[in-house]
Amino acid sequence: MEGEVAKKKLGVFHYDKRLRSGRTQHVRVSVYSLRVDAERDVWPEVTEREKLWTSREDASDRVQEIELSAILSCFEPS
């Protein structure tokens, strides 16, 4: 994706990321909105990430992290 990232963050969520070594590390993630100007078919994490355009309600239901779900459910595009 290419576009403009908002200056103000939408929120923060936490999760335990599994590392290649098998260990887990607690991670804090800041979430920002992105106004999409262009979309690419190939990007660095194409084999690791699924790209799906959906409603905020569906996106909120699809994620496992409760904090991220709350952020997505309150998102209002500008």
PDB file of N, CA and C in Angstrom:
ATOM      1  N   MET A   1       0.830  -1.163   0.000  1.00  0.00           N
ATOM      2  CA  MET A   1       0.000   0.000   0.000  1.00  0.00           C
ATOM      3  C   MET A   1       0.884   1.240   0.000  1.00  0.00           C
ATOM      4  N   GLU A   2       0.401   2.247  -0.654  1.00  0.00           N
ATOM      5  CA  GLU A   2       1.064   3.542  -0.629  1.00  0.00           C
ATOM      6  C   GLU A   2       0.017   4.576  -0.278  1.00  0.00           C
ATOM      7  N   GLY A   3       0.415   5.541   0.524  1.00  0.00           N
ATOM      8  CA  GLY A   3      -0.513   6.583   0.911  1.00  0.00           C
ATOM      9  C   GLY A   3       0.031   7.400   2.052  1.00  0.00           C
ATOM     10  N   GLU A   4      -0.867   8.118   2.722  1.00  0.00           N
ATOM     11  CA  GLU A   4      -0.471   9.002   3.804  1.00  0.00           C
ATOM     12  C   GLU A   4      -0.911   8.426   5.144  1.00  0.00           C
ATOM     13  N   VAL A   5       0.053   8.279   6.050  1.00  0.00           N
ATOM     14  CA  VAL A   5      -0.211   7.773   7.394  1.00  0.00           C
ATOM     15  C   VAL A   5      -0.630   8.951   8.273  1.00  0.00           C
ATOM     16  N   ALA A   6      -1.677   8.755   9.051  1.00  0.00           N
ATOM     17  CA  ALA A   6      -2.142   9.800   9.963  1.00  0.00           C
ATOM     18  C   ALA A   6      -1.082  10.098  11.016  1.00  0.00           C
ATOM     19  N   LYS A   7      -1.043  11.331  11.472  1.00  0.00           N
ATOM     20  CA  LYS A   7      -0.093  11.720  12.508  1.00  0.00           C
ATOM     21  C   LYS A   7      -0.542  11.241  13.888  1.00  0.00           C
ATOM     22  N   LYS A   8      -1.856  11.182  14.108  1.00  0.00           N
ATOM     23  CA  LYS A   8      -2.395  10.777  15.403  1.00  0.00           C
ATOM     24  C   LYS A   8      -2.687   9.274  15.385  1.00  0.00           C
ATOM     25  N   LYS A   9      -2.223   8.558  16.409  1.00  0.00           N
ATOM     26  CA  LYS A   9      -2.480   7.120  16.452  1.00  0.00           C
ATOM     27  C   LYS A   9      -3.912   6.844  16.888  1.00  0.00           C
ATOM     28  N   LEU A  10      -4.450   5.741  16.364  1.00  0.00           N
ATOM     29  CA  LEU A  10      -5.800   5.303  16.708  1.00  0.00           C
ATOM     30  C   LEU A  10      -5.821   4.624  18.068  1.00  0.00           C
ATOM     31  N   GLY A  11      -4.717   4.004  18.436  1.00  0.00           N
ATOM     32  CA  GLY A  11      -4.646   3.305  19.708  1.00  0.00           C
ATOM     33  C   GLY A  11      -3.435   2.399  19.774  1.00  0.00           C
ATOM     34  N   VAL A  12      -3.373   1.616  20.830  1.00  0.00           N
ATOM     35  CA  VAL A  12      -2.256   0.707  21.088  1.00  0.00           C
ATOM     36  C   VAL A  12      -2.834  -0.636  21.511  1.00  0.00           C
ATOM     37  N   PHE A  13      -2.208  -1.727  21.041  1.00  0.00           N
ATOM     38  CA  PHE A  13      -2.585  -3.050  21.540  1.00  0.00           C
ATOM     39  C   PHE A  13      -1.330  -3.858  21.824  1.00  0.00           C
ATOM     40  N   HIS A  14      -1.492  -4.904  22.596  1.00  0.00           N
ATOM     41  CA  HIS A  14      -0.382  -5.762  23.008  1.00  0.00           C
ATOM     42  C   HIS A  14      -0.671  -7.204  22.617  1.00  0.00           C
ATOM     43  N   TYR A  15       0.378  -7.932  22.301  1.00  0.00           N
ATOM     44  CA  TYR A  15       0.223  -9.368  22.049  1.00  0.00           C
ATOM     45  C   TYR A  15       1.556 -10.065  22.246  1.00  0.00           C
ATOM     46  N   ASP A  16       1.517 -11.370  22.347  1.00  0.00           N
ATOM     47  CA  ASP A  16       2.730 -12.173  22.471  1.00  0.00           C
ATOM     48  C   ASP A  16       3.107 -12.717  21.100  1.00  0.00           C
ATOM     49  N   LYS A  17       4.247 -12.266  20.601  1.00  0.00           N
ATOM     50  CA  LYS A  17       4.730 -12.662  19.275  1.00  0.00           C
ATOM     51  C   LYS A  17       5.652 -13.861  19.412  1.00  0.00           C
ATOM     52  N   ARG A  18       5.376 -14.894  18.612  1.00  0.00           N
ATOM     53  CA  ARG A  18       6.247 -16.072  18.620  1.00  0.00           C
ATOM     54  C   ARG A  18       7.417 -15.815  17.670  1.00  0.00           C
ATOM     55  N   LEU A  19       8.624 -15.943  18.202  1.00  0.00           N
ATOM     56  CA  LEU A  19       9.834 -15.726  17.419  1.00  0.00           C
ATOM     57  C   LEU A  19      10.259 -17.022  16.727  1.00  0.00           C
ATOM     58  N   ARG A  20      11.127 -16.902  15.741  1.00  0.00           N
ATOM     59  CA  ARG A  20      11.595 -18.095  15.010  1.00  0.00           C
ATOM     60  C   ARG A  20      12.256 -19.111  15.935  1.00  0.00           C
ATOM     61  N   SER A  21      12.837 -18.626  17.015  1.00  0.00           N
ATOM     62  CA  SER A  21      13.506 -19.510  17.973  1.00  0.00           C
ATOM     63  C   SER A  21      12.509 -20.333  18.787  1.00  0.00           C
ATOM     64  N   GLY A  22      11.213 -19.954  18.696  1.00  0.00           N
ATOM     65  CA  GLY A  22      10.193 -20.636  19.470  1.00  0.00           C
ATOM     66  C   GLY A  22       9.805 -19.877  20.731  1.00  0.00           C
ATOM     67  N   ARG A  23      10.638 -18.942  21.130  1.00  0.00           N
ATOM     68  CA  ARG A  23      10.323 -18.102  22.294  1.00  0.00           C
ATOM     69  C   ARG A  23       9.192 -17.140  21.946  1.00  0.00           C
ATOM     70  N   THR A  24       8.576 -16.576  22.975  1.00  0.00           N
ATOM     71  CA  THR A  24       7.579 -15.531  22.751  1.00  0.00           C
ATOM     72  C   THR A  24       8.087 -14.237  23.367  1.00  0.00           C
ATOM     73  N   GLN A  25       7.687 -13.139  22.753  1.00  0.00           N
ATOM     74  CA  GLN A  25       8.070 -11.824  23.246  1.00  0.00           C
ATOM     75  C   GLN A  25       6.830 -10.953  23.297  1.00  0.00           C
ATOM     76  N   HIS A  26       6.604 -10.288  24.420  1.00  0.00           N
ATOM     77  CA  HIS A  26       5.461  -9.390  24.560  1.00  0.00           C
ATOM     78  C   HIS A  26       5.738  -8.144  23.715  1.00  0.00           C
ATOM     79  N   VAL A  27       4.791  -7.766  22.863  1.00  0.00           N
ATOM     80  CA  VAL A  27       4.974  -6.674  21.912  1.00  0.00           C
ATOM     81  C   VAL A  27       3.876  -5.641  22.110  1.00  0.00           C
ATOM     82  N   ARG A  28       4.248  -4.368  22.007  1.00  0.00           N
ATOM     83  CA  ARG A  28       3.298  -3.254  22.043  1.00  0.00           C
ATOM     84  C   ARG A  28       3.248  -2.663  20.640  1.00  0.00           C
ATOM     85  N   VAL A  29       2.034  -2.532  20.080  1.00  0.00           N
ATOM     86  CA  VAL A  29       1.863  -2.067  18.709  1.00  0.00           C
ATOM     87  C   VAL A  29       1.017  -0.802  18.699  1.00  0.00           C
ATOM     88  N   SER A  30       1.533   0.263  18.080  1.00  0.00           N
ATOM     89  CA  SER A  30       0.762   1.483  17.867  1.00  0.00           C
ATOM     90  C   SER A  30       0.069   1.379  16.518  1.00  0.00           C
ATOM     91  N   VAL A  31      -1.215   1.754  16.465  1.00  0.00           N
ATOM     92  CA  VAL A  31      -2.028   1.619  15.255  1.00  0.00           C
ATOM     93  C   VAL A  31      -2.338   2.999  14.695  1.00  0.00           C
ATOM     94  N   TYR A  32      -2.047   3.182  13.403  1.00  0.00           N
ATOM     95  CA  TYR A  32      -2.320   4.431  12.702  1.00  0.00           C
ATOM     96  C   TYR A  32      -3.169   4.129  11.473  1.00  0.00           C
ATOM     97  N   SER A  33      -3.982   5.078  11.076  1.00  0.00           N
ATOM     98  CA  SER A  33      -4.744   4.890   9.840  1.00  0.00           C
ATOM     99  C   SER A  33      -3.866   5.269   8.647  1.00  0.00           C
ATOM    100  N   LEU A  34      -4.211   4.743   7.497  1.00  0.00           N
ATOM    101  CA  LEU A  34      -3.498   5.009   6.248  1.00  0.00           C
ATOM    102  C   LEU A  34      -4.516   5.336   5.171  1.00  0.00           C
ATOM    103  N   ARG A  35      -4.390   6.526   4.586  1.00  0.00           N
ATOM    104  CA  ARG A  35      -5.206   6.851   3.416  1.00  0.00           C
ATOM    105  C   ARG A  35      -4.507   6.221   2.209  1.00  0.00           C
ATOM    106  N   VAL A  36      -5.136   5.235   1.601  1.00  0.00           N
ATOM    107  CA  VAL A  36      -4.509   4.476   0.524  1.00  0.00           C
ATOM    108  C   VAL A  36      -4.666   5.218  -0.794  1.00  0.00           C
ATOM    109  N   ASP A  37      -3.512   5.497  -1.427  1.00  0.00           N
ATOM    110  CA  ASP A  37      -3.491   6.146  -2.743  1.00  0.00           C
ATOM    111  C   ASP A  37      -3.208   5.133  -3.847  1.00  0.00           C
ATOM    112  N   ALA A  38      -2.469   4.075  -3.513  1.00  0.00           N
ATOM    113  CA  ALA A  38      -2.115   3.053  -4.503  1.00  0.00           C
ATOM    114  C   ALA A  38      -1.960   1.719  -3.776  1.00  0.00           C
ATOM    115  N   GLU A  39      -2.283   0.667  -4.488  1.00  0.00           N
ATOM    116  CA  GLU A  39      -2.211  -0.683  -3.933  1.00  0.00           C
ATOM    117  C   GLU A  39      -1.295  -1.525  -4.813  1.00  0.00           C
ATOM    118  N   ARG A  40      -0.424  -2.297  -4.185  1.00  0.00           N
ATOM    119  CA  ARG A  40       0.502  -3.151  -4.933  1.00  0.00           C
ATOM    120  C   ARG A  40       0.067  -4.608  -4.837  1.00  0.00           C
ATOM    121  N   ASP A  41       0.367  -5.373  -5.870  1.00  0.00           N
ATOM    122  CA  ASP A  41       0.083  -6.808  -5.861  1.00  0.00           C
ATOM    123  C   ASP A  41       1.184  -7.597  -5.164  1.00  0.00           C
ATOM    124  N   VAL A  42       2.385  -7.030  -5.114  1.00  0.00           N
ATOM    125  CA  VAL A  42       3.528  -7.679  -4.479  1.00  0.00           C
ATOM    126  C   VAL A  42       4.137  -6.696  -3.481  1.00  0.00           C
ATOM    127  N   TRP A  43       4.440  -7.176  -2.282  1.00  0.00           N
ATOM    128  CA  TRP A  43       5.073  -6.362  -1.243  1.00  0.00           C
ATOM    129  C   TRP A  43       5.957  -7.281  -0.418  1.00  0.00           C
ATOM    130  N   PRO A  44       6.847  -6.727   0.424  1.00  0.00           N
ATOM    131  CA  PRO A  44       7.838  -7.573   1.115  1.00  0.00           C
ATOM    132  C   PRO A  44       7.253  -8.739   1.914  1.00  0.00           C
ATOM    133  N   GLU A  45       6.084  -8.592   2.527  1.00  0.00           N
ATOM    134  CA  GLU A  45       5.528  -9.661   3.358  1.00  0.00           C
ATOM    135  C   GLU A  45       4.374 -10.388   2.666  1.00  0.00           C
ATOM    136  N   VAL A  46       4.376 -10.413   1.351  1.00  0.00           N
ATOM    137  CA  VAL A  46       3.256 -10.986   0.600  1.00  0.00           C
ATOM    138  C   VAL A  46       2.976 -12.444   0.973  1.00  0.00           C
ATOM    139  N   THR A  47       4.010 -13.185   1.362  1.00  0.00           N
ATOM    140  CA  THR A  47       3.800 -14.592   1.730  1.00  0.00           C
ATOM    141  C   THR A  47       3.363 -14.755   3.189  1.00  0.00           C
ATOM    142  N   GLU A  48       3.436 -13.674   3.967  1.00  0.00           N
ATOM    143  CA  GLU A  48       3.112 -13.741   5.389  1.00  0.00           C
ATOM    144  C   GLU A  48       1.812 -13.038   5.758  1.00  0.00           C
ATOM    145  N   ARG A  49       1.300 -12.187   4.889  1.00  0.00           N
ATOM    146  CA  ARG A  49       0.132 -11.363   5.206  1.00  0.00           C
ATOM    147  C   ARG A  49      -0.968 -11.567   4.181  1.00  0.00           C
ATOM    148  N   GLU A  50      -2.189 -11.558   4.663  1.00  0.00           N
ATOM    149  CA  GLU A  50      -3.353 -11.629   3.775  1.00  0.00           C
ATOM    150  C   GLU A  50      -3.916 -10.224   3.625  1.00  0.00           C
ATOM    151  N   LYS A  51      -4.193  -9.825   2.405  1.00  0.00           N
ATOM    152  CA  LYS A  51      -4.770  -8.514   2.127  1.00  0.00           C
ATOM    153  C   LYS A  51      -6.250  -8.706   1.826  1.00  0.00           C
ATOM    154  N   LEU A  52      -7.080  -7.986   2.554  1.00  0.00           N
ATOM    155  CA  LEU A  52      -8.529  -8.124   2.397  1.00  0.00           C
ATOM    156  C   LEU A  52      -9.201  -6.795   2.681  1.00  0.00           C
ATOM    157  N   TRP A  53      -9.968  -6.279   1.732  1.00  0.00           N
ATOM    158  CA  TRP A  53     -10.762  -5.076   1.963  1.00  0.00           C
ATOM    159  C   TRP A  53     -12.089  -5.525   2.558  1.00  0.00           C
ATOM    160  N   THR A  54     -12.431  -4.958   3.724  1.00  0.00           N
ATOM    161  CA  THR A  54     -13.638  -5.371   4.423  1.00  0.00           C
ATOM    162  C   THR A  54     -14.165  -4.213   5.267  1.00  0.00           C
ATOM    163  N   SER A  55     -15.299  -4.409   5.870  1.00  0.00           N
ATOM    164  CA  SER A  55     -15.865  -3.385   6.745  1.00  0.00           C
ATOM    165  C   SER A  55     -15.125  -3.368   8.073  1.00  0.00           C
ATOM    166  N   ARG A  56     -15.244  -2.278   8.816  1.00  0.00           N
ATOM    167  CA  ARG A  56     -14.583  -2.227  10.131  1.00  0.00           C
ATOM    168  C   ARG A  56     -15.183  -3.256  11.077  1.00  0.00           C
ATOM    169  N   GLU A  57     -16.494  -3.517  10.954  1.00  0.00           N
ATOM    170  CA  GLU A  57     -17.132  -4.511  11.815  1.00  0.00           C
ATOM    171  C   GLU A  57     -16.562  -5.906  11.549  1.00  0.00           C
ATOM    172  N   ASP A  58     -16.420  -6.254  10.269  1.00  0.00           N
ATOM    173  CA  ASP A  58     -15.863  -7.562   9.911  1.00  0.00           C
ATOM    174  C   ASP A  58     -14.402  -7.652  10.341  1.00  0.00           C
ATOM    175  N   ALA A  59     -13.646  -6.575  10.123  1.00  0.00           N
ATOM    176  CA  ALA A  59     -12.235  -6.566  10.529  1.00  0.00           C
ATOM    177  C   ALA A  59     -12.114  -6.764  12.037  1.00  0.00           C
ATOM    178  N   SER A  60     -12.966  -6.088  12.781  1.00  0.00           N
ATOM    179  CA  SER A  60     -12.965  -6.212  14.236  1.00  0.00           C
ATOM    180  C   SER A  60     -13.258  -7.644  14.672  1.00  0.00           C
ATOM    181  N   ASP A  61     -14.168  -8.312  13.968  1.00  0.00           N
ATOM    182  CA  ASP A  61     -14.521  -9.701  14.292  1.00  0.00           C
ATOM    183  C   ASP A  61     -13.415 -10.695  13.911  1.00  0.00           C
ATOM    184  N   ARG A  62     -12.602 -10.359  12.911  1.00  0.00           N
ATOM    185  CA  ARG A  62     -11.596 -11.284  12.393  1.00  0.00           C
ATOM    186  C   ARG A  62     -10.323 -11.365  13.234  1.00  0.00           C
ATOM    187  N   VAL A  63     -10.009 -10.315  13.997  1.00  0.00           N
ATOM    188  CA  VAL A  63      -8.758 -10.318  14.758  1.00  0.00           C
ATOM    189  C   VAL A  63      -8.945 -11.005  16.105  1.00  0.00           C
ATOM    190  N   GLN A  64      -7.871 -11.590  16.620  1.00  0.00           N
ATOM    191  CA  GLN A  64      -7.927 -12.312  17.892  1.00  0.00           C
ATOM    192  C   GLN A  64      -7.632 -11.407  19.087  1.00  0.00           C
ATOM    193  N   GLU A  65      -6.898 -10.328  18.870  1.00  0.00           N
ATOM    194  CA  GLU A  65      -6.502  -9.449  19.958  1.00  0.00           C
ATOM    195  C   GLU A  65      -7.674  -8.546  20.339  1.00  0.00           C
ATOM    196  N   ILE A  66      -8.118  -8.616  21.587  1.00  0.00           N
ATOM    197  CA  ILE A  66      -9.280  -7.852  22.047  1.00  0.00           C
ATOM    198  C   ILE A  66      -9.042  -6.350  21.931  1.00  0.00           C
ATOM    199  N   GLU A  67      -7.828  -5.903  22.271  1.00  0.00           N
ATOM    200  CA  GLU A  67      -7.526  -4.467  22.181  1.00  0.00           C
ATOM    201  C   GLU A  67      -7.581  -3.978  20.740  1.00  0.00           C
ATOM    202  N   LEU A  68      -7.066  -4.759  19.804  1.00  0.00           N
ATOM    203  CA  LEU A  68      -7.101  -4.374  18.393  1.00  0.00           C
ATOM    204  C   LEU A  68      -8.532  -4.390  17.882  1.00  0.00           C
ATOM    205  N   SER A  69      -9.309  -5.352  18.296  1.00  0.00           N
ATOM    206  CA  SER A  69     -10.715  -5.416  17.902  1.00  0.00           C
ATOM    207  C   SER A  69     -11.443  -4.141  18.316  1.00  0.00           C
ATOM    208  N   ALA A  70     -11.189  -3.668  19.514  1.00  0.00           N
ATOM    209  CA  ALA A  70     -11.828  -2.440  20.004  1.00  0.00           C
ATOM    210  C   ALA A  70     -11.405  -1.238  19.176  1.00  0.00           C
ATOM    211  N   ILE A  71     -10.121  -1.163  18.813  1.00  0.00           N
ATOM    212  CA  ILE A  71      -9.624  -0.058  17.988  1.00  0.00           C
ATOM    213  C   ILE A  71     -10.308  -0.064  16.633  1.00  0.00           C
ATOM    214  N   LEU A  72     -10.384  -1.236  16.005  1.00  0.00           N
ATOM    215  CA  LEU A  72     -11.009  -1.346  14.687  1.00  0.00           C
ATOM    216  C   LEU A  72     -12.500  -1.032  14.708  1.00  0.00           C
ATOM    217  N   SER A  73     -13.183  -1.459  15.749  1.00  0.00           N
ATOM    218  CA  SER A  73     -14.629  -1.240  15.796  1.00  0.00           C
ATOM    219  C   SER A  73     -14.986   0.229  15.953  1.00  0.00           C
ATOM    220  N   CYS A  74     -14.061   1.039  16.479  1.00  0.00           N
ATOM    221  CA  CYS A  74     -14.309   2.468  16.684  1.00  0.00           C
ATOM    222  C   CYS A  74     -13.756   3.324  15.552  1.00  0.00           C
ATOM    223  N   PHE A  75     -13.075   2.720  14.588  1.00  0.00           N
ATOM    224  CA  PHE A  75     -12.409   3.483  13.518  1.00  0.00           C
ATOM    225  C   PHE A  75     -13.415   4.231  12.656  1.00  0.00           C
ATOM    226  N   GLU A  76     -13.148   5.520  12.451  1.00  0.00           N
ATOM    227  CA  GLU A  76     -13.952   6.367  11.566  1.00  0.00           C
ATOM    228  C   GLU A  76     -13.031   6.950  10.496  1.00  0.00           C
ATOM    229  N   PRO A  77     -13.162   6.520   9.247  1.00  0.00           N
ATOM    230  CA  PRO A  77     -12.306   7.096   8.193  1.00  0.00           C
ATOM    231  C   PRO A  77     -12.558   8.600   8.057  1.00  0.00           C
ATOM    232  N   SER A  78     -11.505   9.317   7.757  1.00  0.00           N
ATOM    233  CA  SER A  78     -11.668  10.764   7.577  1.00  0.00           C
ATOM    234  C   SER A  78     -11.626  11.147   6.115  1.00  0.00           C
TER     235      SER A  78
END
